[in-house]
Amino acid sequence: QVQLVESGGGLVQPGGSLRLSCVASGTIFSINAMGWYRQAPGKERELVAGFTSGGSTNYADSVKGRFTISRDNAKNTVYLQMNSLKPEDTAVYYCNFPGRKVWGQGTLVTVSS
């Protein structure tokens, strides 16, 4: 059974940076299709960044140029580097496989002065 554990969130000032990590364990074949999602208070969960079938990456328009998704297959870990953070980036961030309906606890990112 797959287990996903997010970490790296915290309180950061506007313009600051954070790097989130997602460690996958259990019964998995590959982390190549994984993505990062976020849910702000009162809003729907949205896809922030993910890997495409062609081996590239895709990002929500709101984070393009600021966020970078990467992975380390040997460590079964997906990362999300977040730069130039804005208050509107405040949310709980989750990692997951496309179509998987089970979600973990996520990691809270708060961007505030």
N, C-alpha and C. Protein backbone atom coordinates (compact mmCIF):
# COMPACT_ATOMS: atom_id res chain seq x y z
N GLN A 1 0.85 -1.18 0.00
CA GLN A 1 0.00 0.00 0.00
C GLN A 1 0.89 1.24 0.00
N VAL A 2 0.55 2.20 -0.84
CA VAL A 2 1.37 3.39 -0.97
C VAL A 2 1.13 4.33 0.20
N GLN A 3 2.19 4.93 0.65
CA GLN A 3 2.12 5.96 1.67
C GLN A 3 2.90 7.17 1.20
N LEU A 4 2.30 8.34 1.35
CA LEU A 4 2.92 9.58 0.94
C LEU A 4 3.01 10.51 2.13
N VAL A 5 4.19 11.04 2.37
CA VAL A 5 4.42 11.92 3.50
C VAL A 5 5.02 13.22 3.01
N GLU A 6 4.28 14.31 3.20
CA GLU A 6 4.74 15.63 2.82
C GLU A 6 5.42 16.31 4.00
N SER A 7 6.40 17.14 3.70
CA SER A 7 7.09 17.89 4.73
C SER A 7 7.71 19.14 4.12
N GLY A 8 8.17 20.02 4.96
CA GLY A 8 8.88 21.21 4.51
C GLY A 8 8.10 22.50 4.61
N GLY A 9 6.83 22.43 4.97
CA GLY A 9 6.04 23.63 5.08
C GLY A 9 6.41 24.44 6.31
N GLY A 10 5.83 25.62 6.39
CA GLY A 10 6.10 26.49 7.51
C GLY A 10 5.68 27.91 7.22
N LEU A 11 6.09 28.81 8.10
CA LEU A 11 5.79 30.23 7.95
C LEU A 11 6.94 30.92 7.26
N VAL A 12 6.63 31.67 6.22
CA VAL A 12 7.65 32.38 5.46
C VAL A 12 7.11 33.75 5.06
N GLN A 13 8.00 34.72 4.97
CA GLN A 13 7.61 36.06 4.57
C GLN A 13 7.42 36.16 3.06
N PRO A 14 6.60 37.09 2.60
CA PRO A 14 6.47 37.29 1.16
C PRO A 14 7.83 37.51 0.50
N GLY A 15 8.03 36.87 -0.63
CA GLY A 15 9.30 36.93 -1.32
C GLY A 15 10.27 35.85 -0.91
N GLY A 16 9.94 35.12 0.12
CA GLY A 16 10.81 34.07 0.61
C GLY A 16 10.66 32.78 -0.17
N SER A 17 11.37 31.75 0.28
CA SER A 17 11.40 30.47 -0.41
C SER A 17 11.22 29.31 0.56
N LEU A 18 10.67 28.23 0.06
CA LEU A 18 10.56 26.98 0.78
C LEU A 18 10.73 25.83 -0.20
N ARG A 19 11.20 24.71 0.30
CA ARG A 19 11.26 23.49 -0.51
C ARG A 19 10.47 22.40 0.19
N LEU A 20 9.45 21.91 -0.47
CA LEU A 20 8.63 20.84 0.05
C LEU A 20 9.15 19.50 -0.45
N SER A 21 8.98 18.48 0.38
CA SER A 21 9.38 17.13 0.02
C SER A 21 8.20 16.19 0.17
N CYS A 22 8.15 15.20 -0.70
CA CYS A 22 7.14 14.16 -0.64
C CYS A 22 7.83 12.82 -0.79
N VAL A 23 7.82 12.04 0.27
CA VAL A 23 8.46 10.73 0.26
C VAL A 23 7.40 9.66 0.08
N ALA A 24 7.57 8.85 -0.94
CA ALA A 24 6.65 7.76 -1.24
C ALA A 24 7.23 6.44 -0.77
N SER A 25 6.40 5.63 -0.15
CA SER A 25 6.83 4.32 0.31
C SER A 25 5.70 3.33 0.11
N GLY A 26 6.02 2.05 0.25
CA GLY A 26 5.03 1.02 0.06
C GLY A 26 5.01 0.50 -1.36
N THR A 27 3.84 0.10 -1.79
CA THR A 27 3.68 -0.50 -3.11
C THR A 27 3.50 0.57 -4.18
N ILE A 28 4.60 0.92 -4.81
CA ILE A 28 4.59 1.89 -5.90
C ILE A 28 5.50 1.39 -7.01
N PHE A 29 5.20 1.83 -8.22
CA PHE A 29 6.02 1.47 -9.37
C PHE A 29 6.95 2.61 -9.78
N SER A 30 6.42 3.84 -9.71
CA SER A 30 7.18 4.99 -10.15
C SER A 30 6.58 6.26 -9.57
N ILE A 31 7.42 7.23 -9.32
CA ILE A 31 6.95 8.54 -8.89
C ILE A 31 6.90 9.52 -10.05
N ASN A 32 7.14 9.04 -11.27
CA ASN A 32 7.28 9.93 -12.41
C ASN A 32 6.01 10.68 -12.78
N ALA A 33 4.86 10.18 -12.36
CA ALA A 33 3.60 10.82 -12.71
C ALA A 33 3.02 11.67 -11.58
N MET A 34 3.73 11.79 -10.50
CA MET A 34 3.20 12.49 -9.34
C MET A 34 3.13 13.99 -9.55
N GLY A 35 2.32 14.61 -8.72
CA GLY A 35 2.18 16.05 -8.77
C GLY A 35 1.94 16.64 -7.40
N TRP A 36 2.05 17.94 -7.34
CA TRP A 36 1.76 18.71 -6.14
C TRP A 36 0.44 19.44 -6.29
N TYR A 37 -0.35 19.41 -5.22
CA TYR A 37 -1.64 20.05 -5.18
C TYR A 37 -1.69 20.95 -3.95
N ARG A 38 -2.62 21.88 -3.94
CA ARG A 38 -2.79 22.72 -2.76
C ARG A 38 -4.25 23.07 -2.58
N GLN A 39 -4.60 23.34 -1.34
CA GLN A 39 -5.95 23.74 -1.01
C GLN A 39 -5.90 24.87 -0.01
N ALA A 40 -6.39 26.02 -0.43
CA ALA A 40 -6.48 27.18 0.45
C ALA A 40 -7.82 27.15 1.17
N PRO A 41 -7.93 27.84 2.30
CA PRO A 41 -9.19 27.86 3.04
C PRO A 41 -10.35 28.33 2.17
N GLY A 42 -11.42 27.56 2.15
CA GLY A 42 -12.60 27.93 1.39
C GLY A 42 -12.52 27.72 -0.09
N LYS A 43 -11.44 27.12 -0.57
CA LYS A 43 -11.27 26.91 -2.00
C LYS A 43 -11.09 25.43 -2.32
N GLU A 44 -11.28 25.10 -3.59
CA GLU A 44 -11.10 23.74 -4.05
C GLU A 44 -9.62 23.40 -4.16
N ARG A 45 -9.33 22.12 -4.02
CA ARG A 45 -7.96 21.66 -4.24
C ARG A 45 -7.59 21.83 -5.71
N GLU A 46 -6.39 22.30 -5.97
CA GLU A 46 -5.96 22.53 -7.33
C GLU A 46 -4.57 21.93 -7.57
N LEU A 47 -4.33 21.56 -8.80
CA LEU A 47 -3.02 21.07 -9.21
C LEU A 47 -2.08 22.26 -9.36
N VAL A 48 -0.95 22.19 -8.70
CA VAL A 48 0.04 23.25 -8.74
C VAL A 48 1.15 22.94 -9.74
N ALA A 49 1.67 21.73 -9.68
CA ALA A 49 2.77 21.33 -10.54
C ALA A 49 2.76 19.83 -10.71
N GLY A 50 3.17 19.37 -11.87
CA GLY A 50 3.20 17.95 -12.12
C GLY A 50 4.12 17.60 -13.27
N PHE A 51 4.37 16.30 -13.42
CA PHE A 51 5.17 15.79 -14.52
C PHE A 51 4.24 15.36 -15.65
N THR A 52 4.63 15.64 -16.88
CA THR A 52 3.86 15.22 -18.04
C THR A 52 4.33 13.86 -18.52
N SER A 53 3.49 13.24 -19.37
CA SER A 53 3.85 11.94 -19.93
C SER A 53 5.08 12.01 -20.82
N GLY A 54 5.36 13.20 -21.33
CA GLY A 54 6.51 13.39 -22.19
C GLY A 54 7.80 13.68 -21.45
N GLY A 55 7.74 13.62 -20.13
CA GLY A 55 8.94 13.83 -19.34
C GLY A 55 9.21 15.27 -18.98
N SER A 56 8.30 16.15 -19.32
CA SER A 56 8.43 17.55 -18.98
C SER A 56 7.61 17.86 -17.74
N THR A 57 7.39 19.13 -17.50
CA THR A 57 6.63 19.56 -16.33
C THR A 57 5.55 20.53 -16.75
N ASN A 58 4.53 20.64 -15.91
CA ASN A 58 3.49 21.63 -16.14
C ASN A 58 3.16 22.30 -14.81
N TYR A 59 2.72 23.55 -14.89
CA TYR A 59 2.46 24.35 -13.71
C TYR A 59 1.18 25.13 -13.88
N ALA A 60 0.54 25.38 -12.76
CA ALA A 60 -0.58 26.30 -12.77
C ALA A 60 -0.07 27.69 -13.15
N ASP A 61 -0.91 28.45 -13.85
CA ASP A 61 -0.50 29.78 -14.29
C ASP A 61 -0.06 30.66 -13.12
N SER A 62 -0.67 30.47 -11.98
CA SER A 62 -0.39 31.31 -10.84
C SER A 62 1.00 31.11 -10.25
N VAL A 63 1.65 29.99 -10.59
CA VAL A 63 2.96 29.70 -10.00
C VAL A 63 4.07 29.58 -11.04
N LYS A 64 3.75 29.72 -12.31
CA LYS A 64 4.76 29.60 -13.35
C LYS A 64 5.87 30.62 -13.15
N GLY A 65 7.09 30.15 -13.28
CA GLY A 65 8.25 31.00 -13.10
C GLY A 65 8.71 31.12 -11.67
N ARG A 66 7.91 30.63 -10.73
CA ARG A 66 8.25 30.73 -9.32
C ARG A 66 8.46 29.36 -8.66
N PHE A 67 7.70 28.36 -9.09
CA PHE A 67 7.77 27.02 -8.51
C PHE A 67 8.45 26.07 -9.48
N THR A 68 9.16 25.09 -8.93
CA THR A 68 9.81 24.07 -9.73
C THR A 68 9.62 22.71 -9.09
N ILE A 69 9.08 21.77 -9.86
CA ILE A 69 8.92 20.41 -9.38
C ILE A 69 10.10 19.57 -9.87
N SER A 70 10.58 18.69 -9.01
CA SER A 70 11.68 17.81 -9.36
C SER A 70 11.52 16.50 -8.61
N ARG A 71 12.34 15.53 -8.93
CA ARG A 71 12.23 14.23 -8.27
C ARG A 71 13.59 13.56 -8.16
N ASP A 72 13.67 12.67 -7.20
CA ASP A 72 14.84 11.82 -7.01
C ASP A 72 14.31 10.40 -6.94
N ASN A 73 14.39 9.68 -8.04
CA ASN A 73 13.81 8.35 -8.11
C ASN A 73 14.46 7.38 -7.13
N ALA A 74 15.75 7.52 -6.92
CA ALA A 74 16.46 6.64 -6.00
C ALA A 74 15.94 6.78 -4.58
N LYS A 75 15.45 7.96 -4.24
CA LYS A 75 14.94 8.22 -2.90
C LYS A 75 13.42 8.19 -2.84
N ASN A 76 12.76 7.90 -3.97
CA ASN A 76 11.30 7.92 -4.04
C ASN A 76 10.74 9.23 -3.50
N THR A 77 11.35 10.31 -3.90
CA THR A 77 10.99 11.61 -3.36
C THR A 77 10.73 12.62 -4.47
N VAL A 78 9.66 13.38 -4.31
CA VAL A 78 9.33 14.48 -5.20
C VAL A 78 9.45 15.78 -4.42
N TYR A 79 10.00 16.79 -5.06
CA TYR A 79 10.22 18.07 -4.41
C TYR A 79 9.43 19.17 -5.10
N LEU A 80 9.16 20.20 -4.35
CA LEU A 80 8.58 21.42 -4.90
C LEU A 80 9.35 22.60 -4.34
N GLN A 81 10.17 23.21 -5.19
CA GLN A 81 10.89 24.41 -4.81
C GLN A 81 10.00 25.60 -5.07
N MET A 82 9.75 26.39 -4.05
CA MET A 82 8.86 27.53 -4.14
C MET A 82 9.64 28.80 -3.84
N ASN A 83 9.74 29.67 -4.83
CA ASN A 83 10.44 30.93 -4.69
C ASN A 83 9.47 32.09 -4.87
N SER A 84 9.91 33.26 -4.44
CA SER A 84 9.11 34.48 -4.57
C SER A 84 7.69 34.26 -4.08
N LEU A 85 7.57 33.70 -2.92
CA LEU A 85 6.26 33.34 -2.39
C LEU A 85 5.40 34.56 -2.13
N LYS A 86 4.11 34.38 -2.38
CA LYS A 86 3.11 35.42 -2.21
C LYS A 86 2.10 34.99 -1.16
N PRO A 87 1.42 35.94 -0.53
CA PRO A 87 0.39 35.56 0.45
C PRO A 87 -0.66 34.62 -0.13
N GLU A 88 -1.00 34.76 -1.40
CA GLU A 88 -2.00 33.90 -2.01
C GLU A 88 -1.52 32.47 -2.22
N ASP A 89 -0.24 32.20 -1.96
CA ASP A 89 0.27 30.84 -1.99
C ASP A 89 -0.04 30.08 -0.71
N THR A 90 -0.55 30.77 0.28
CA THR A 90 -0.88 30.14 1.55
C THR A 90 -1.92 29.04 1.34
N ALA A 91 -1.58 27.84 1.75
CA ALA A 91 -2.45 26.69 1.55
C ALA A 91 -1.81 25.47 2.19
N VAL A 92 -2.59 24.40 2.25
CA VAL A 92 -2.04 23.10 2.59
C VAL A 92 -1.63 22.43 1.29
N TYR A 93 -0.40 21.98 1.23
CA TYR A 93 0.14 21.39 0.01
C TYR A 93 0.20 19.87 0.15
N TYR A 94 -0.23 19.19 -0.90
CA TYR A 94 -0.28 17.74 -0.93
C TYR A 94 0.45 17.21 -2.16
N CYS A 95 0.98 16.01 -2.05
CA CYS A 95 1.46 15.30 -3.21
C CYS A 95 0.57 14.09 -3.45
N ASN A 96 0.48 13.66 -4.69
CA ASN A 96 -0.36 12.51 -5.00
C ASN A 96 -0.13 12.05 -6.43
N PHE A 97 -0.66 10.87 -6.73
CA PHE A 97 -0.70 10.37 -8.09
C PHE A 97 -2.00 10.83 -8.74
N PRO A 98 -1.99 11.07 -10.05
CA PRO A 98 -3.23 11.45 -10.73
C PRO A 98 -4.30 10.39 -10.56
N GLY A 99 -5.50 10.80 -10.19
CA GLY A 99 -6.61 9.89 -10.04
C GLY A 99 -6.72 9.21 -8.69
N ARG A 100 -5.70 9.28 -7.90
CA ARG A 100 -5.75 8.67 -6.58
C ARG A 100 -6.64 9.51 -5.68
N LYS A 101 -7.59 8.86 -5.01
CA LYS A 101 -8.57 9.58 -4.22
C LYS A 101 -8.26 9.62 -2.73
N VAL A 102 -7.15 9.04 -2.34
CA VAL A 102 -6.72 9.08 -0.96
C VAL A 102 -5.67 10.17 -0.80
N TRP A 103 -5.89 11.03 0.19
CA TRP A 103 -5.00 12.15 0.42
C TRP A 103 -4.39 12.07 1.81
N GLY A 104 -3.15 12.52 1.92
CA GLY A 104 -2.48 12.54 3.19
C GLY A 104 -2.79 13.79 3.98
N GLN A 105 -1.99 14.05 4.98
CA GLN A 105 -2.21 15.21 5.83
C GLN A 105 -1.72 16.51 5.19
N GLY A 106 -0.82 16.41 4.24
CA GLY A 106 -0.28 17.58 3.61
C GLY A 106 0.68 18.33 4.53
N THR A 107 1.20 19.43 4.02
CA THR A 107 2.06 20.29 4.81
C THR A 107 1.62 21.74 4.60
N LEU A 108 1.48 22.47 5.68
CA LEU A 108 0.93 23.82 5.63
C LEU A 108 2.01 24.84 5.30
N VAL A 109 1.72 25.65 4.30
CA VAL A 109 2.57 26.77 3.92
C VAL A 109 1.82 28.05 4.20
N THR A 110 2.40 28.90 5.02
CA THR A 110 1.79 30.19 5.35
C THR A 110 2.74 31.30 4.95
N VAL A 111 2.29 32.16 4.06
CA VAL A 111 3.10 33.28 3.58
C VAL A 111 2.52 34.55 4.16
N SER A 112 3.23 35.13 5.09
CA SER A 112 2.73 36.31 5.79
C SER A 112 3.88 37.08 6.41
N SER A 113 3.66 38.39 6.57
CA SER A 113 4.62 39.22 7.26
C SER A 113 4.44 39.15 8.77
